[in-house]
Amino acid sequence: MDSPRVLVVDDEPNIRDLVEVALRFHGFEVTKAATGEEALTRARDDRPRLIVLDVMLPDLDGFEVCRRLRGRGDETPVIFLTARDTPTDTVTGLTLGGDDYVTKPFSVDALVARVRAVLRRSEHEPADEILRVADLELDEARWTVRRAGAEIELSPTEFRLLAYLMHNPGRVLTRAQLLENVWGWDHSSSSPVVETYVSYLRRKIGPDLIHTQRGVGYALRPPSS
């Protein structure tokens, strides 16, 4: 089995080296970059399976690097690694297409676990199944969503969230369940990322399918007649 290649981007050499040693010890291949521009070049040339990306870089910040990657169609999973841990920063990173957010100081073992979790999610082969709730249709194999026959464009995170809701039609799913099963976070978080993405989905698929159970969570079911 080939060793997954991870690109580590940080302007601090000691952090780059620390993460590299930990990842290599656990069987990963590692390439490194110290600036945002170098990260974009390495991502294009080395084709990593995942990017560990610092936010505070000397030229382009990590958010802008992620924005440019997604803008050119590069969906390589990104884990942001940064000392900035406000809810606003977390939502910004995840909204731009990041897959996880690890704050400094960090445990290298925890970081490796998060790398593995994100890779498992990103490389999971979806079932050849079409999910339907009312006139909403989600094709897991083709990564398409339609409502009343009209195609709806979703980001990868929006798609995963909608698919999880549609796999559990009518069931009220707690915020903790959504964080664990969509984002892979197995710890409590004060981030409003679930609420943010539910609002994104409501704007795209309509406000009548995702129902809020106040103080509990969300359920996807047909609108009340």
C-alpha atoms as a PDB file:
ATOM      1  CA  MET A   1       0.000   0.000   0.000  1.00  0.00           C
ATOM      2  CA  ASP A   2       1.365   3.436  -0.894  1.00  0.00           C
ATOM      3  CA  SER A   3       2.120   5.950   1.834  1.00  0.00           C
ATOM      4  CA  PRO A   4      -0.276   8.925   1.732  1.00  0.00           C
ATOM      5  CA  ARG A   5       1.597  12.125   0.932  1.00  0.00           C
ATOM      6  CA  VAL A   6       0.906  15.095   3.240  1.00  0.00           C
ATOM      7  CA  LEU A   7       1.997  18.657   2.493  1.00  0.00           C
ATOM      8  CA  VAL A   8       2.926  20.561   5.679  1.00  0.00           C
ATOM      9  CA  VAL A   9       2.847  24.358   5.350  1.00  0.00           C
ATOM     10  CA  ASP A  10       4.205  26.527   8.170  1.00  0.00           C
ATOM     11  CA  ASP A  11       6.681  29.405   8.279  1.00  0.00           C
ATOM     12  CA  GLU A  12       8.204  28.124  11.549  1.00  0.00           C
ATOM     13  CA  PRO A  13      10.892  25.510  10.769  1.00  0.00           C
ATOM     14  CA  ASN A  14      10.580  23.812  14.161  1.00  0.00           C
ATOM     15  CA  ILE A  15       6.858  23.213  13.674  1.00  0.00           C
ATOM     16  CA  ARG A  16       7.365  21.960  10.105  1.00  0.00           C
ATOM     17  CA  ASP A  17      10.031  19.540  11.348  1.00  0.00           C
ATOM     18  CA  LEU A  18       7.972  18.407  14.350  1.00  0.00           C
ATOM     19  CA  VAL A  19       4.921  17.612  12.207  1.00  0.00           C
ATOM     20  CA  GLU A  20       7.091  15.953   9.543  1.00  0.00           C
ATOM     21  CA  VAL A  21       8.769  13.626  12.071  1.00  0.00           C
ATOM     22  CA  ALA A  22       5.426  12.645  13.608  1.00  0.00           C
ATOM     23  CA  LEU A  23       3.765  11.966  10.245  1.00  0.00           C
ATOM     24  CA  ARG A  24       6.748   9.996   8.884  1.00  0.00           C
ATOM     25  CA  PHE A  25       6.824   7.911  12.076  1.00  0.00           C
ATOM     26  CA  HIS A  26       3.195   6.965  11.398  1.00  0.00           C
ATOM     27  CA  GLY A  27       3.847   5.975   7.790  1.00  0.00           C
ATOM     28  CA  PHE A  28       3.093   9.142   5.836  1.00  0.00           C
ATOM     29  CA  GLU A  29       5.217  10.681   3.119  1.00  0.00           C
ATOM     30  CA  VAL A  30       5.791  14.394   3.759  1.00  0.00           C
ATOM     31  CA  THR A  31       6.621  17.438   1.658  1.00  0.00           C
ATOM     32  CA  LYS A  32       6.972  20.918   3.155  1.00  0.00           C
ATOM     33  CA  ALA A  33       6.449  24.577   2.298  1.00  0.00           C
ATOM     34  CA  ALA A  34       7.185  27.785   4.223  1.00  0.00           C
ATOM     35  CA  THR A  35       5.013  30.316   2.332  1.00  0.00           C
ATOM     36  CA  GLY A  36       1.607  30.492   0.737  1.00  0.00           C
ATOM     37  CA  GLU A  37       2.990  30.779  -2.794  1.00  0.00           C
ATOM     38  CA  GLU A  38       5.259  27.790  -2.225  1.00  0.00           C
ATOM     39  CA  ALA A  39       2.278  25.846  -0.854  1.00  0.00           C
ATOM     40  CA  LEU A  40       0.279  26.493  -4.032  1.00  0.00           C
ATOM     41  CA  THR A  41       3.209  25.286  -6.148  1.00  0.00           C
ATOM     42  CA  ARG A  42       3.804  22.188  -4.016  1.00  0.00           C
ATOM     43  CA  ALA A  43       0.083  21.352  -4.036  1.00  0.00           C
ATOM     44  CA  ARG A  44       0.087  21.490  -7.838  1.00  0.00           C
ATOM     45  CA  ASP A  45       3.356  19.626  -8.408  1.00  0.00           C
ATOM     46  CA  ASP A  46       3.366  17.065  -5.567  1.00  0.00           C
ATOM     47  CA  ARG A  47      -0.371  16.260  -5.578  1.00  0.00           C
ATOM     48  CA  PRO A  48      -0.615  15.510  -1.840  1.00  0.00           C
ATOM     49  CA  ARG A  49      -3.533  13.575  -0.401  1.00  0.00           C
ATOM     50  CA  LEU A  50      -3.911  16.146   2.424  1.00  0.00           C
ATOM     51  CA  ILE A  51      -2.531  19.569   3.379  1.00  0.00           C
ATOM     52  CA  VAL A  52      -1.734  20.712   6.916  1.00  0.00           C
ATOM     53  CA  LEU A  53      -1.900  24.487   6.457  1.00  0.00           C
ATOM     54  CA  ASP A  54      -0.869  27.238   8.861  1.00  0.00           C
ATOM     55  CA  VAL A  55      -3.055  30.352   8.721  1.00  0.00           C
ATOM     56  CA  MET A  56      -0.378  32.939   9.614  1.00  0.00           C
ATOM     57  CA  LEU A  57       2.061  32.874   6.694  1.00  0.00           C
ATOM     58  CA  PRO A  58       4.424  35.678   5.615  1.00  0.00           C
ATOM     59  CA  ASP A  59       2.848  36.268   2.178  1.00  0.00           C
ATOM     60  CA  LEU A  60      -0.585  34.769   1.533  1.00  0.00           C
ATOM     61  CA  ASP A  61      -2.405  33.662   4.651  1.00  0.00           C
ATOM     62  CA  GLY A  62      -3.703  30.107   4.867  1.00  0.00           C
ATOM     63  CA  PHE A  63      -7.291  31.191   4.213  1.00  0.00           C
ATOM     64  CA  GLU A  64      -6.239  32.778   0.909  1.00  0.00           C
ATOM     65  CA  VAL A  65      -4.214  29.669  -0.016  1.00  0.00           C
ATOM     66  CA  CYS A  66      -7.283  27.498   0.572  1.00  0.00           C
ATOM     67  CA  ARG A  67      -9.473  29.933  -1.381  1.00  0.00           C
ATOM     68  CA  ARG A  68      -7.095  29.764  -4.370  1.00  0.00           C
ATOM     69  CA  LEU A  69      -6.876  25.967  -4.197  1.00  0.00           C
ATOM     70  CA  ARG A  70     -10.662  25.633  -4.277  1.00  0.00           C
ATOM     71  CA  GLY A  71     -10.877  28.293  -6.976  1.00  0.00           C
ATOM     72  CA  ARG A  72      -8.733  26.205  -9.308  1.00  0.00           C
ATOM     73  CA  GLY A  73     -10.732  23.077  -8.597  1.00  0.00           C
ATOM     74  CA  ASP A  74      -8.300  21.486  -6.137  1.00  0.00           C
ATOM     75  CA  GLU A  75     -10.376  19.643  -3.500  1.00  0.00           C
ATOM     76  CA  THR A  76      -7.400  18.233  -1.552  1.00  0.00           C
ATOM     77  CA  PRO A  77      -8.470  18.025   2.117  1.00  0.00           C
ATOM     78  CA  VAL A  78      -7.066  20.849   4.267  1.00  0.00           C
ATOM     79  CA  ILE A  79      -6.474  20.891   8.019  1.00  0.00           C
ATOM     80  CA  PHE A  80      -5.789  24.413   9.268  1.00  0.00           C
ATOM     81  CA  LEU A  81      -3.070  24.625  11.920  1.00  0.00           C
ATOM     82  CA  THR A  82      -3.009  27.935  13.740  1.00  0.00           C
ATOM     83  CA  ALA A  83      -2.947  29.893  16.975  1.00  0.00           C
ATOM     84  CA  ARG A  84      -6.091  31.750  15.875  1.00  0.00           C
ATOM     85  CA  ASP A  85      -8.958  29.899  17.531  1.00  0.00           C
ATOM     86  CA  THR A  86     -11.900  32.300  17.667  1.00  0.00           C
ATOM     87  CA  PRO A  87     -15.271  30.972  16.434  1.00  0.00           C
ATOM     88  CA  THR A  88     -15.127  33.483  13.558  1.00  0.00           C
ATOM     89  CA  ASP A  89     -11.767  32.144  12.382  1.00  0.00           C
ATOM     90  CA  THR A  90     -12.971  28.551  12.638  1.00  0.00           C
ATOM     91  CA  VAL A  91     -16.077  29.219  10.571  1.00  0.00           C
ATOM     92  CA  THR A  92     -14.050  31.208   8.026  1.00  0.00           C
ATOM     93  CA  GLY A  93     -11.622  28.315   7.545  1.00  0.00           C
ATOM     94  CA  LEU A  94     -14.321  25.679   7.221  1.00  0.00           C
ATOM     95  CA  THR A  95     -16.490  27.847   4.989  1.00  0.00           C
ATOM     96  CA  LEU A  96     -13.597  28.294   2.565  1.00  0.00           C
ATOM     97  CA  GLY A  97     -13.435  24.526   2.169  1.00  0.00           C
ATOM     98  CA  GLY A  98     -11.187  23.468   5.033  1.00  0.00           C
ATOM     99  CA  ASP A  99     -11.880  20.059   6.559  1.00  0.00           C
ATOM    100  CA  ASP A 100     -10.656  20.570  10.120  1.00  0.00           C
ATOM    101  CA  TYR A 101      -9.048  23.137  12.389  1.00  0.00           C
ATOM    102  CA  VAL A 102      -6.275  22.406  14.930  1.00  0.00           C
ATOM    103  CA  THR A 103      -5.048  25.114  17.257  1.00  0.00           C
ATOM    104  CA  LYS A 104      -1.544  25.724  18.593  1.00  0.00           C
ATOM    105  CA  PRO A 105      -0.151  24.504  20.912  1.00  0.00           C
ATOM    106  CA  PHE A 106      -1.185  21.047  19.797  1.00  0.00           C
ATOM    107  CA  SER A 107      -0.494  17.401  20.501  1.00  0.00           C
ATOM    108  CA  VAL A 108       1.245  15.746  17.560  1.00  0.00           C
ATOM    109  CA  ASP A 109      -0.584  12.485  18.317  1.00  0.00           C
ATOM    110  CA  ALA A 110      -3.908  14.317  18.166  1.00  0.00           C
ATOM    111  CA  LEU A 111      -2.893  15.956  14.887  1.00  0.00           C
ATOM    112  CA  VAL A 112      -1.968  12.595  13.362  1.00  0.00           C
ATOM    113  CA  ALA A 113      -5.333  11.210  14.481  1.00  0.00           C
ATOM    114  CA  ARG A 114      -7.113  14.129  12.813  1.00  0.00           C
ATOM    115  CA  VAL A 115      -5.108  13.595   9.606  1.00  0.00           C
ATOM    116  CA  ARG A 116      -6.178   9.961   9.545  1.00  0.00           C
ATOM    117  CA  ALA A 117      -9.815  10.858  10.263  1.00  0.00           C
ATOM    118  CA  VAL A 118      -9.972  13.433   7.454  1.00  0.00           C
ATOM    119  CA  LEU A 119      -8.332  11.016   5.002  1.00  0.00           C
ATOM    120  CA  ARG A 120     -10.840   8.294   5.934  1.00  0.00           C
ATOM    121  CA  ARG A 121     -13.734  10.666   5.288  1.00  0.00           C
ATOM    122  CA  SER A 122     -12.343  12.021   2.033  1.00  0.00           C
ATOM    123  CA  GLU A 123     -11.425   8.607   0.610  1.00  0.00           C
ATOM    124  CA  HIS A 124     -14.623   6.797   1.635  1.00  0.00           C
ATOM    125  CA  GLU A 125     -16.320   5.458  -1.468  1.00  0.00           C
ATOM    126  CA  PRO A 126     -19.977   6.489  -1.379  1.00  0.00           C
ATOM    127  CA  ALA A 127     -22.623   3.848  -1.864  1.00  0.00           C
ATOM    128  CA  ASP A 128     -24.270   3.712  -5.261  1.00  0.00           C
ATOM    129  CA  GLU A 129     -27.481   5.015  -3.766  1.00  0.00           C
ATOM    130  CA  ILE A 130     -29.927   7.775  -4.561  1.00  0.00           C
ATOM    131  CA  LEU A 131     -31.521   9.335  -1.482  1.00  0.00           C
ATOM    132  CA  ARG A 132     -34.909  11.044  -1.725  1.00  0.00           C
ATOM    133  CA  VAL A 133     -36.949  13.174   0.655  1.00  0.00           C
ATOM    134  CA  ALA A 134     -40.007  14.847  -0.876  1.00  0.00           C
ATOM    135  CA  ASP A 135     -38.789  16.323  -4.198  1.00  0.00           C
ATOM    136  CA  LEU A 136     -35.165  16.488  -3.027  1.00  0.00           C
ATOM    137  CA  GLU A 137     -32.802  13.911  -4.565  1.00  0.00           C
ATOM    138  CA  LEU A 138     -29.155  13.242  -3.685  1.00  0.00           C
ATOM    139  CA  ASP A 139     -26.998  10.897  -5.771  1.00  0.00           C
ATOM    140  CA  GLU A 140     -24.046   9.772  -3.644  1.00  0.00           C
ATOM    141  CA  ALA A 141     -22.135   8.113  -6.487  1.00  0.00           C
ATOM    142  CA  ARG A 142     -22.306  11.144  -8.786  1.00  0.00           C
ATOM    143  CA  TRP A 143     -22.224  13.806  -6.049  1.00  0.00           C
ATOM    144  CA  THR A 144     -25.267  15.579  -7.433  1.00  0.00           C
ATOM    145  CA  VAL A 145     -28.277  17.136  -5.733  1.00  0.00           C
ATOM    146  CA  ARG A 146     -31.557  18.073  -7.385  1.00  0.00           C
ATOM    147  CA  ARG A 147     -34.782  19.553  -6.136  1.00  0.00           C
ATOM    148  CA  ALA A 148     -37.867  19.354  -8.346  1.00  0.00           C
ATOM    149  CA  GLY A 149     -35.472  18.356 -11.143  1.00  0.00           C
ATOM    150  CA  ALA A 150     -33.255  21.440 -10.834  1.00  0.00           C
ATOM    151  CA  GLU A 151     -29.600  20.794  -9.995  1.00  0.00           C
ATOM    152  CA  ILE A 152     -28.207  22.463  -6.864  1.00  0.00           C
ATOM    153  CA  GLU A 153     -24.500  23.146  -6.402  1.00  0.00           C
ATOM    154  CA  LEU A 154     -23.144  22.285  -2.956  1.00  0.00           C
ATOM    155  CA  SER A 155     -19.669  22.437  -1.458  1.00  0.00           C
ATOM    156  CA  PRO A 156     -18.190  19.095  -0.288  1.00  0.00           C
ATOM    157  CA  THR A 157     -19.054  19.887   3.346  1.00  0.00           C
ATOM    158  CA  GLU A 158     -22.598  20.956   2.469  1.00  0.00           C
ATOM    159  CA  PHE A 159     -23.006  17.723   0.496  1.00  0.00           C
ATOM    160  CA  ARG A 160     -21.767  15.554   3.396  1.00  0.00           C
ATOM    161  CA  LEU A 161     -24.094  17.330   5.832  1.00  0.00           C
ATOM    162  CA  LEU A 162     -27.107  16.938   3.560  1.00  0.00           C
ATOM    163  CA  ALA A 163     -26.280  13.274   2.869  1.00  0.00           C
ATOM    164  CA  TYR A 164     -26.071  12.529   6.602  1.00  0.00           C
ATOM    165  CA  LEU A 165     -29.415  14.223   7.209  1.00  0.00           C
ATOM    166  CA  MET A 166     -30.981  12.318   4.295  1.00  0.00           C
ATOM    167  CA  HIS A 167     -29.642   9.001   5.586  1.00  0.00           C
ATOM    168  CA  ASN A 168     -31.606   9.722   8.768  1.00  0.00           C
ATOM    169  CA  PRO A 169     -34.904  11.145   7.475  1.00  0.00           C
ATOM    170  CA  GLY A 170     -37.226  12.422  10.177  1.00  0.00           C
ATOM    171  CA  ARG A 171     -34.698  11.752  12.924  1.00  0.00           C
ATOM    172  CA  VAL A 172     -33.621  14.650  15.122  1.00  0.00           C
ATOM    173  CA  LEU A 173     -29.814  14.718  15.026  1.00  0.00           C
ATOM    174  CA  THR A 174     -27.965  16.526  17.765  1.00  0.00           C
ATOM    175  CA  ARG A 175     -25.259  19.092  17.126  1.00  0.00           C
ATOM    176  CA  ALA A 176     -22.697  16.663  18.629  1.00  0.00           C
ATOM    177  CA  GLN A 177     -23.812  13.891  16.238  1.00  0.00           C
ATOM    178  CA  LEU A 178     -23.457  16.210  13.255  1.00  0.00           C
ATOM    179  CA  LEU A 179     -20.024  17.435  14.358  1.00  0.00           C
ATOM    180  CA  GLU A 180     -18.804  13.863  14.799  1.00  0.00           C
ATOM    181  CA  ASN A 181     -20.276  12.344  11.637  1.00  0.00           C
ATOM    182  CA  VAL A 182     -19.835  15.220   9.181  1.00  0.00           C
ATOM    183  CA  TRP A 183     -16.723  16.984  10.491  1.00  0.00           C
ATOM    184  CA  GLY A 184     -15.124  14.134  12.447  1.00  0.00           C
ATOM    185  CA  TRP A 185     -14.976  16.165  15.646  1.00  0.00           C
ATOM    186  CA  ASP A 186     -15.332  13.845  18.614  1.00  0.00           C
ATOM    187  CA  HIS A 187     -15.094  16.615  21.179  1.00  0.00           C
ATOM    188  CA  SER A 188     -17.373  19.433  22.227  1.00  0.00           C
ATOM    189  CA  SER A 189     -16.837  22.707  20.435  1.00  0.00           C
ATOM    190  CA  SER A 190     -18.168  26.222  20.864  1.00  0.00           C
ATOM    191  CA  SER A 191     -17.905  26.806  17.123  1.00  0.00           C
ATOM    192  CA  PRO A 192     -21.176  27.706  15.382  1.00  0.00           C
ATOM    193  CA  VAL A 193     -20.138  25.703  12.327  1.00  0.00           C
ATOM    194  CA  VAL A 194     -23.211  23.408  12.387  1.00  0.00           C
ATOM    195  CA  GLU A 195     -25.629  26.331  12.559  1.00  0.00           C
ATOM    196  CA  THR A 196     -23.691  28.120   9.814  1.00  0.00           C
ATOM    197  CA  TYR A 197     -23.835  25.185   7.413  1.00  0.00           C
ATOM    198  CA  VAL A 198     -27.507  24.467   8.137  1.00  0.00           C
ATOM    199  CA  SER A 199     -28.242  28.059   7.138  1.00  0.00           C
ATOM    200  CA  TYR A 200     -26.223  27.585   3.925  1.00  0.00           C
ATOM    201  CA  LEU A 201     -28.216  24.463   3.076  1.00  0.00           C
ATOM    202  CA  ARG A 202     -31.537  26.149   3.773  1.00  0.00           C
ATOM    203  CA  ARG A 203     -30.656  28.944   1.372  1.00  0.00           C
ATOM    204  CA  LYS A 204     -29.759  26.457  -1.357  1.00  0.00           C
ATOM    205  CA  ILE A 205     -32.381  23.717  -1.007  1.00  0.00           C
ATOM    206  CA  GLY A 206     -35.157  25.836   0.520  1.00  0.00           C
ATOM    207  CA  PRO A 207     -36.126  26.565   4.128  1.00  0.00           C
ATOM    208  CA  ASP A 208     -38.955  24.013   4.394  1.00  0.00           C
ATOM    209  CA  LEU A 209     -37.092  20.682   4.639  1.00  0.00           C
ATOM    210  CA  ILE A 210     -34.607  21.140   7.505  1.00  0.00           C
ATOM    211  CA  HIS A 211     -36.495  21.523  10.773  1.00  0.00           C
ATOM    212  CA  THR A 212     -35.017  22.810  14.034  1.00  0.00           C
ATOM    213  CA  GLN A 213     -35.780  21.053  17.307  1.00  0.00           C
ATOM    214  CA  ARG A 214     -34.984  23.850  19.721  1.00  0.00           C
ATOM    215  CA  GLY A 215     -32.279  22.899  22.208  1.00  0.00           C
ATOM    216  CA  VAL A 216     -31.730  19.504  20.535  1.00  0.00           C
ATOM    217  CA  GLY A 217     -30.742  19.612  16.879  1.00  0.00           C
ATOM    218  CA  TYR A 218     -32.045  19.284  13.330  1.00  0.00           C
ATOM    219  CA  ALA A 219     -34.147  16.889  11.297  1.00  0.00           C
ATOM    220  CA  LEU A 220     -34.759  16.620   7.570  1.00  0.00           C
ATOM    221  CA  ARG A 221     -38.330  15.703   6.633  1.00  0.00           C
ATOM    222  CA  PRO A 222     -40.980  16.705   4.114  1.00  0.00           C
ATOM    223  CA  PRO A 223     -42.700  20.023   4.765  1.00  0.00           C
ATOM    224  CA  SER A 224     -45.926  19.853   6.708  1.00  0.00           C
ATOM    225  CA  SER A 225     -48.940  19.743   4.436  1.00  0.00           C
END
